[in-house]
N, C-alpha and C. Protein backbone atom coordinates (compact mmCIF):
# COMPACT_ATOMS: atom_id res chain seq x y z
N MET A 1 -15.76 0.20 -10.77
CA MET A 1 -14.35 0.25 -10.30
C MET A 1 -13.83 -0.33 -9.25
N ALA A 2 -13.01 -1.10 -8.68
CA ALA A 2 -12.55 -1.51 -7.36
C ALA A 2 -12.08 -0.93 -6.57
N ASN A 3 -12.03 -0.94 -5.30
CA ASN A 3 -10.83 0.15 -4.34
C ASN A 3 -9.63 -0.52 -4.85
N VAL A 4 -9.29 0.41 -4.55
CA VAL A 4 -7.13 0.40 -4.43
C VAL A 4 -7.15 -0.04 -3.32
N TYR A 5 -6.37 -0.26 -2.88
CA TYR A 5 -5.72 -0.35 -1.07
C TYR A 5 -4.30 -0.77 -1.74
N ALA A 6 -3.46 0.45 -0.96
CA ALA A 6 -1.52 0.38 -1.44
C ALA A 6 -1.49 -0.70 0.53
N ALA A 7 -0.64 -1.81 0.60
CA ALA A 7 0.03 -2.37 1.37
C ALA A 7 0.74 -0.50 2.16
N GLN A 8 0.72 -0.63 3.57
CA GLN A 8 1.18 0.69 4.55
C GLN A 8 2.63 0.47 4.49
N ARG A 9 3.58 0.14 4.20
CA ARG A 9 5.02 -0.14 4.32
C ARG A 9 5.61 1.07 4.32
N ALA A 10 6.06 1.24 5.51
CA ALA A 10 7.13 2.96 5.34
C ALA A 10 8.54 2.96 3.99
N GLN A 11 8.89 1.41 4.26
CA GLN A 11 10.04 1.18 3.29
C GLN A 11 9.63 -0.61 3.09
N PRO A 12 10.57 -0.30 1.23
CA PRO A 12 10.12 -1.64 1.34
C PRO A 12 10.44 -2.39 1.47
N LEU A 13 9.99 -3.89 1.33
CA LEU A 13 10.85 -4.97 2.16
C LEU A 13 12.78 -5.41 1.37
N ALA A 14 13.64 -5.44 2.18
CA ALA A 14 14.69 -5.96 2.16
C ALA A 14 15.22 -7.15 2.54
N PHE A 15 15.60 -8.50 0.63
CA PHE A 15 15.14 -9.66 0.92
C PHE A 15 16.93 -10.00 1.86
N THR A 16 16.85 -10.92 2.66
CA THR A 16 18.22 -10.81 2.95
C THR A 16 19.29 -11.28 2.75
N THR A 17 19.15 -12.42 1.89
CA THR A 17 20.94 -13.10 1.17
C THR A 17 20.66 -12.40 -0.14
N PRO A 18 21.86 -11.92 0.09
CA PRO A 18 22.39 -11.26 -1.57
C PRO A 18 22.33 -12.33 -2.73
N LYS A 19 22.35 -11.91 -4.25
CA LYS A 19 21.82 -12.92 -4.85
C LYS A 19 23.49 -12.40 -5.64
N ASP A 20 23.99 -13.59 -6.21
CA ASP A 20 24.83 -13.39 -7.20
C ASP A 20 24.48 -13.48 -8.48
N PRO A 21 25.06 -12.38 -9.16
CA PRO A 21 24.49 -12.70 -10.37
C PRO A 21 24.08 -13.52 -11.23
N SER A 22 25.15 -14.78 -11.28
CA SER A 22 24.77 -15.95 -11.92
C SER A 22 24.17 -16.67 -11.39
N ASP A 23 23.61 -16.33 -10.19
CA ASP A 23 21.98 -17.42 -9.34
C ASP A 23 20.45 -16.99 -9.77
N THR A 24 19.73 -18.49 -10.64
CA THR A 24 18.18 -18.59 -10.61
C THR A 24 17.97 -18.24 -9.00
N VAL A 25 17.38 -17.18 -8.75
CA VAL A 25 16.63 -17.13 -7.08
C VAL A 25 15.44 -17.37 -7.27
N ASP A 26 14.46 -17.49 -5.93
CA ASP A 26 12.82 -17.90 -5.83
C ASP A 26 12.72 -16.40 -5.10
N TYR A 27 12.37 -16.21 -5.04
CA TYR A 27 11.97 -14.61 -4.07
C TYR A 27 10.50 -14.66 -3.21
N ARG A 28 9.84 -14.81 -1.99
CA ARG A 28 8.17 -14.94 -2.22
C ARG A 28 8.02 -13.56 -1.27
N PHE A 29 6.76 -13.94 -1.49
CA PHE A 29 5.95 -12.68 -1.47
C PHE A 29 4.68 -13.06 -0.48
N ASP A 30 4.45 -12.63 1.24
CA ASP A 30 3.71 -13.65 1.75
C ASP A 30 3.12 -12.56 1.84
N TRP A 31 1.39 -12.58 1.81
CA TRP A 31 -0.05 -12.18 1.76
C TRP A 31 -0.26 -12.56 2.85
N ALA A 32 -0.38 -13.26 3.86
CA ALA A 32 -0.84 -13.95 4.54
C ALA A 32 -1.52 -12.59 5.66
N SER A 33 -0.09 -11.94 6.07
CA SER A 33 -0.90 -10.64 6.94
C SER A 33 -1.85 -9.70 6.33
N GLU A 34 -1.92 -9.47 5.32
CA GLU A 34 -3.18 -8.49 4.52
C GLU A 34 -4.61 -9.35 4.06
N LEU A 35 -4.22 -10.45 4.14
CA LEU A 35 -5.70 -11.40 3.68
C LEU A 35 -6.68 -11.55 4.64
N THR A 36 -8.19 -11.24 4.28
CA THR A 36 -8.83 -11.76 5.82
C THR A 36 -8.72 -13.14 5.42
N THR A 37 -9.71 -13.52 6.28
CA THR A 37 -10.74 -14.57 6.33
C THR A 37 -11.23 -14.94 5.39
N GLY A 38 -10.48 -16.24 4.57
CA GLY A 38 -11.40 -16.84 3.44
C GLY A 38 -10.77 -16.25 1.78
N GLU A 39 -10.25 -15.02 2.15
CA GLU A 39 -9.56 -14.21 1.10
C GLU A 39 -8.37 -14.99 0.42
N THR A 40 -8.34 -15.22 -1.33
CA THR A 40 -6.91 -15.30 -1.80
C THR A 40 -6.93 -14.75 -2.60
N ILE A 41 -5.93 -14.35 -3.34
CA ILE A 41 -5.16 -14.34 -4.04
C ILE A 41 -5.64 -15.10 -5.85
N SER A 42 -6.24 -13.88 -6.43
CA SER A 42 -7.48 -13.81 -7.62
C SER A 42 -6.14 -13.76 -8.97
N SER A 43 -5.38 -13.13 -9.13
CA SER A 43 -4.00 -12.61 -10.19
C SER A 43 -3.10 -11.27 -9.22
N GLN A 44 -2.20 -12.30 -9.99
CA GLN A 44 -0.95 -11.16 -9.23
C GLN A 44 0.46 -10.63 -10.05
N THR A 45 0.94 -9.99 -10.44
CA THR A 45 1.72 -9.03 -11.42
C THR A 45 3.43 -8.43 -10.92
N VAL A 46 3.71 -9.09 -11.28
CA VAL A 46 5.67 -8.57 -10.40
C VAL A 46 6.16 -8.44 -11.62
N ALA A 47 6.82 -6.73 -11.02
CA ALA A 47 7.61 -6.36 -12.66
C ALA A 47 9.26 -6.29 -11.53
N ALA A 48 10.22 -6.04 -12.49
CA ALA A 48 11.75 -5.82 -11.85
C ALA A 48 12.24 -4.82 -12.62
N ASP A 49 12.49 -4.00 -11.95
CA ASP A 49 14.05 -2.87 -12.56
C ASP A 49 15.01 -3.76 -13.67
N THR A 50 14.94 -2.86 -14.77
CA THR A 50 15.77 -3.20 -15.54
C THR A 50 16.96 -3.53 -15.43
N GLY A 51 17.63 -5.21 -15.57
CA GLY A 51 19.17 -5.68 -15.43
C GLY A 51 18.68 -6.52 -14.95
N LEU A 52 17.44 -7.15 -13.67
CA LEU A 52 17.17 -7.93 -13.53
C LEU A 52 16.15 -8.49 -14.24
N THR A 53 16.18 -9.96 -13.91
CA THR A 53 15.19 -10.53 -15.18
C THR A 53 14.18 -11.58 -14.45
N LYS A 54 13.00 -10.96 -14.69
CA LYS A 54 12.03 -12.09 -14.11
C LYS A 54 12.37 -13.35 -15.14
N ASP A 55 11.64 -14.14 -14.17
CA ASP A 55 11.53 -15.55 -15.00
C ASP A 55 10.61 -16.33 -15.05
N SER A 56 9.77 -15.88 -13.89
CA SER A 56 8.90 -16.73 -13.67
C SER A 56 8.05 -16.16 -11.99
N VAL A 57 6.51 -16.36 -12.39
CA VAL A 57 5.43 -15.74 -11.36
C VAL A 57 4.83 -17.04 -11.13
N THR A 58 4.69 -17.35 -10.15
CA THR A 58 3.31 -18.00 -9.10
C THR A 58 2.84 -17.92 -7.94
N ALA A 59 1.50 -18.12 -8.09
CA ALA A 59 0.72 -18.03 -6.03
C ALA A 59 1.11 -19.62 -6.05
N VAL A 60 1.42 -19.54 -4.43
CA VAL A 60 1.15 -20.19 -4.21
C VAL A 60 0.50 -20.83 -2.37
N GLY A 61 -0.88 -20.84 -2.42
CA GLY A 61 -1.57 -20.12 -1.28
C GLY A 61 -1.92 -18.54 -1.05
N ASP A 62 -0.24 -18.12 0.38
CA ASP A 62 -0.78 -17.17 0.84
C ASP A 62 0.75 -16.20 -0.10
N GLU A 63 1.37 -16.89 -1.38
CA GLU A 63 2.86 -16.04 -1.44
C GLU A 63 2.49 -16.28 -3.04
N VAL A 64 2.90 -15.10 -3.26
CA VAL A 64 3.82 -15.43 -4.27
C VAL A 64 5.49 -15.94 -4.66
N VAL A 65 4.74 -15.91 -5.69
CA VAL A 65 6.43 -16.31 -5.78
C VAL A 65 6.92 -16.16 -7.48
N VAL A 66 7.81 -15.40 -6.80
CA VAL A 66 9.26 -15.06 -8.41
C VAL A 66 10.51 -15.47 -8.47
N THR A 67 10.75 -16.21 -9.81
CA THR A 67 11.90 -16.58 -9.46
C THR A 67 12.59 -15.53 -10.68
N VAL A 68 13.96 -15.01 -9.86
CA VAL A 68 14.95 -14.12 -10.81
C VAL A 68 16.18 -14.71 -11.22
N SER A 69 16.99 -13.60 -12.01
CA SER A 69 18.65 -14.30 -12.37
C SER A 69 18.43 -12.42 -13.04
N GLY A 70 20.21 -12.77 -13.58
CA GLY A 70 20.81 -12.13 -13.65
C GLY A 70 21.22 -10.74 -12.48
N GLY A 71 21.48 -9.77 -13.47
CA GLY A 71 21.54 -8.80 -12.05
C GLY A 71 23.11 -8.11 -12.32
N THR A 72 23.49 -7.54 -11.60
CA THR A 72 24.91 -6.82 -11.76
C THR A 72 25.47 -6.24 -10.41
N ALA A 73 26.07 -7.51 -9.50
CA ALA A 73 27.35 -6.92 -9.04
C ALA A 73 27.14 -5.72 -8.06
N GLY A 74 27.22 -5.36 -7.22
CA GLY A 74 27.03 -3.90 -6.52
C GLY A 74 25.75 -3.20 -7.23
N ARG A 75 24.85 -3.46 -7.83
CA ARG A 75 23.60 -3.10 -7.44
C ARG A 75 22.77 -3.57 -6.84
N SER A 76 21.27 -2.59 -6.22
CA SER A 76 20.09 -3.14 -6.08
C SER A 76 19.22 -3.29 -7.02
N TYR A 77 17.92 -4.18 -6.28
CA TYR A 77 16.97 -3.88 -8.02
C TYR A 77 15.47 -3.95 -6.91
N LYS A 78 15.00 -2.49 -7.59
CA LYS A 78 13.31 -2.92 -6.83
C LYS A 78 11.92 -4.00 -7.83
N VAL A 79 11.38 -4.81 -6.56
CA VAL A 79 10.94 -6.16 -6.72
C VAL A 79 9.77 -5.76 -7.17
N ARG A 80 8.71 -5.52 -7.78
CA ARG A 80 7.25 -4.70 -7.13
C ARG A 80 5.82 -6.11 -7.45
N CYS A 81 5.51 -6.01 -6.78
CA CYS A 81 4.11 -6.83 -6.52
C CYS A 81 3.29 -6.64 -6.38
N GLN A 82 2.23 -6.93 -7.10
CA GLN A 82 1.24 -6.84 -6.79
C GLN A 82 -0.53 -7.63 -6.70
N ILE A 83 -1.24 -8.05 -5.87
CA ILE A 83 -1.95 -8.84 -6.17
C ILE A 83 -3.36 -8.22 -6.43
N VAL A 84 -4.55 -8.97 -7.03
CA VAL A 84 -5.52 -8.65 -7.12
C VAL A 84 -6.46 -10.15 -5.81
N THR A 85 -7.14 -9.64 -4.51
CA THR A 85 -8.00 -10.86 -4.01
C THR A 85 -9.30 -11.11 -4.81
N SER A 86 -9.55 -11.79 -3.73
CA SER A 86 -11.16 -12.64 -3.85
C SER A 86 -12.22 -11.93 -4.02
N ASN A 87 -11.73 -11.02 -2.81
CA ASN A 87 -12.64 -9.20 -2.68
C ASN A 87 -11.89 -8.52 -3.09
N SER A 88 -11.44 -8.57 -4.59
CA SER A 88 -11.32 -6.98 -5.40
C SER A 88 -10.61 -5.99 -4.54
N ARG A 89 -10.12 -6.45 -4.04
CA ARG A 89 -8.92 -5.09 -3.04
C ARG A 89 -7.24 -5.60 -3.99
N THR A 90 -6.70 -4.61 -4.28
CA THR A 90 -5.25 -4.76 -5.06
C THR A 90 -4.67 -4.32 -4.08
N LEU A 91 -3.30 -4.79 -3.90
CA LEU A 91 -2.42 -4.86 -2.66
C LEU A 91 -1.13 -4.60 -3.22
N GLU A 92 -0.15 -3.47 -2.76
CA GLU A 92 1.00 -3.50 -3.69
C GLU A 92 1.83 -3.75 -2.67
N VAL A 93 3.15 -4.21 -2.70
CA VAL A 93 4.63 -4.42 -2.06
C VAL A 93 5.70 -4.08 -3.21
N THR A 94 6.73 -4.14 -2.34
CA THR A 94 7.99 -3.67 -3.18
C THR A 94 9.47 -4.38 -2.31
N GLY A 95 10.69 -5.14 -3.13
CA GLY A 95 11.17 -5.79 -2.51
C GLY A 95 12.02 -5.10 -2.99
N ILE A 96 13.72 -5.48 -2.03
CA ILE A 96 14.66 -5.34 -2.89
C ILE A 96 15.60 -6.55 -2.48
N VAL A 97 16.12 -6.58 -3.89
CA VAL A 97 16.80 -7.62 -4.18
C VAL A 97 18.43 -7.19 -4.55
N ASP A 98 20.09 -7.35 -3.64
CA ASP A 98 20.75 -6.98 -3.71
C ASP A 98 21.78 -7.87 -3.89
N VAL A 99 22.30 -7.33 -5.30
CA VAL A 99 23.18 -8.49 -6.00
C VAL A 99 24.46 -8.48 -5.54
N ALA A 100 25.37 -9.21 -5.12
CA ALA A 100 26.97 -8.63 -4.96
C ALA A 100 27.85 -10.58 -4.90
N ASN A 101 28.43 -10.40 -5.66
CA ASN A 101 29.71 -11.92 -6.36
C ASN A 101 29.80 -12.78 -4.69
N ARG A 102 29.85 -14.12 -4.91
CA ARG A 102 29.60 -14.37 -3.50
C ARG A 102 30.84 -15.64 -4.09
């Protein structure tokens, strides 16, 4: 069984720009500071709170890009990103997507 390492963050990441309910937006989880030299992302899993639609997930270099749509204005949604690395480490972080009419 692989060791599980949780990214040590006191609070979830807050994405800075609110998303309009009608927008489809890419959010990036940058893992560069968590990966050791030569370590890569082997797999990724992303989950979004009910009400926010996860349209696609792609690993690009040291980043995981998730495309989301939907949501209700005035609400905040958690988007959890978990990766497994080439060194068999599991890392996870949560981002907060605020939805507002713009």
